[in-house]
Structure formats: structure tokens, C-alpha cells
Amino acid sequence: LIENEYLGLENGILDQSAILLSRSGCLTCMNCK
């Protein structure tokens, strides 16, 4: 991911998934096991 390789951030896929799967005014449930 760009964030990991270029910026050196140590974040996972949760941020990208939340952005892509969420809708305004709605609750998004994600099972991250």
C-alpha cells in the first residue's frame, strides 16, 4: 500500500475498507478476526 511503502505508516487495510464500504449516516460492521 502507498501508506506503508511511500509514507512509512504502519497501518492496515481497515482504514481503506472503512472508506470504501461505509455510507454517510450508516453503521458499518466489520469482523476483523
N, C-alpha and C. Protein backbone atom coordinates (compact mmCIF):
# COMPACT_ATOMS: atom_id res chain seq x y z
N LEU A 1 0.83 -1.18 0.00
CA LEU A 1 0.00 0.00 0.00
C LEU A 1 0.87 1.24 0.00
N ILE A 2 0.37 2.28 -0.59
CA ILE A 2 1.10 3.54 -0.66
C ILE A 2 1.47 4.05 0.73
N GLU A 3 0.52 3.97 1.66
CA GLU A 3 0.78 4.48 3.00
C GLU A 3 1.95 3.77 3.66
N ASN A 4 2.05 2.47 3.43
CA ASN A 4 3.12 1.69 4.05
C ASN A 4 4.46 1.89 3.35
N GLU A 5 4.49 1.81 2.04
CA GLU A 5 5.74 1.86 1.31
C GLU A 5 6.29 3.27 1.14
N TYR A 6 5.46 4.20 0.75
CA TYR A 6 5.92 5.56 0.44
C TYR A 6 6.00 6.45 1.67
N LEU A 7 4.97 6.43 2.49
CA LEU A 7 4.93 7.30 3.66
C LEU A 7 5.52 6.67 4.91
N GLY A 8 5.67 5.34 4.90
CA GLY A 8 6.24 4.65 6.05
C GLY A 8 5.27 4.47 7.21
N LEU A 9 3.98 4.63 6.96
CA LEU A 9 2.99 4.44 8.01
C LEU A 9 2.77 2.96 8.26
N GLU A 10 2.53 2.60 9.50
CA GLU A 10 2.28 1.20 9.83
C GLU A 10 0.80 1.00 10.13
N ASN A 11 -0.02 1.13 9.11
CA ASN A 11 -1.45 0.90 9.27
C ASN A 11 -1.87 -0.26 8.39
N GLY A 12 -3.03 -0.80 8.67
CA GLY A 12 -3.50 -1.96 7.92
C GLY A 12 -4.56 -1.61 6.91
N ILE A 13 -5.32 -2.62 6.53
CA ILE A 13 -6.33 -2.45 5.48
C ILE A 13 -7.65 -1.92 6.04
N LEU A 14 -7.77 -1.82 7.36
CA LEU A 14 -9.03 -1.38 7.96
C LEU A 14 -9.40 0.03 7.51
N ASP A 15 -8.44 0.95 7.45
CA ASP A 15 -8.74 2.32 7.03
C ASP A 15 -9.32 2.36 5.62
N GLN A 16 -8.69 1.67 4.70
CA GLN A 16 -9.16 1.67 3.31
C GLN A 16 -10.52 1.00 3.19
N SER A 17 -10.72 -0.09 3.92
CA SER A 17 -12.00 -0.80 3.87
C SER A 17 -13.12 0.07 4.42
N ALA A 18 -12.86 0.77 5.51
CA ALA A 18 -13.88 1.63 6.10
C ALA A 18 -14.27 2.74 5.13
N ILE A 19 -13.31 3.31 4.44
CA ILE A 19 -13.60 4.36 3.47
C ILE A 19 -14.44 3.82 2.32
N LEU A 20 -14.08 2.66 1.80
CA LEU A 20 -14.78 2.10 0.64
C LEU A 20 -16.15 1.54 0.97
N LEU A 21 -16.31 0.95 2.15
CA LEU A 21 -17.54 0.23 2.47
C LEU A 21 -18.57 1.05 3.25
N SER A 22 -18.16 2.18 3.80
CA SER A 22 -19.06 2.97 4.65
C SER A 22 -19.93 3.91 3.84
N ARG A 23 -21.11 4.20 4.40
CA ARG A 23 -22.01 5.20 3.83
C ARG A 23 -22.34 6.22 4.92
N SER A 24 -22.51 7.45 4.53
CA SER A 24 -22.81 8.52 5.47
C SER A 24 -24.11 8.22 6.22
N GLY A 25 -24.07 8.37 7.53
CA GLY A 25 -25.26 8.16 8.36
C GLY A 25 -25.56 6.71 8.66
N CYS A 26 -24.68 5.80 8.28
CA CYS A 26 -24.90 4.37 8.50
C CYS A 26 -23.78 3.78 9.35
N LEU A 27 -24.10 2.70 10.04
CA LEU A 27 -23.13 1.96 10.82
C LEU A 27 -22.56 0.84 9.96
N THR A 28 -21.25 0.72 9.93
CA THR A 28 -20.60 -0.35 9.17
C THR A 28 -20.00 -1.34 10.16
N CYS A 29 -20.45 -2.58 10.11
CA CYS A 29 -19.94 -3.64 10.98
C CYS A 29 -18.89 -4.44 10.22
N MET A 30 -17.69 -4.53 10.79
CA MET A 30 -16.61 -5.26 10.14
C MET A 30 -16.06 -6.30 11.11
N ASN A 31 -16.03 -7.56 10.72
CA ASN A 31 -15.49 -8.63 11.53
C ASN A 31 -14.01 -8.78 11.17
N CYS A 32 -13.13 -8.36 12.04
CA CYS A 32 -11.69 -8.32 11.75
C CYS A 32 -10.93 -9.41 12.50
N LYS A 33 -11.42 -10.61 12.45
CA LYS A 33 -10.74 -11.72 13.12
C LYS A 33 -9.59 -12.22 12.29
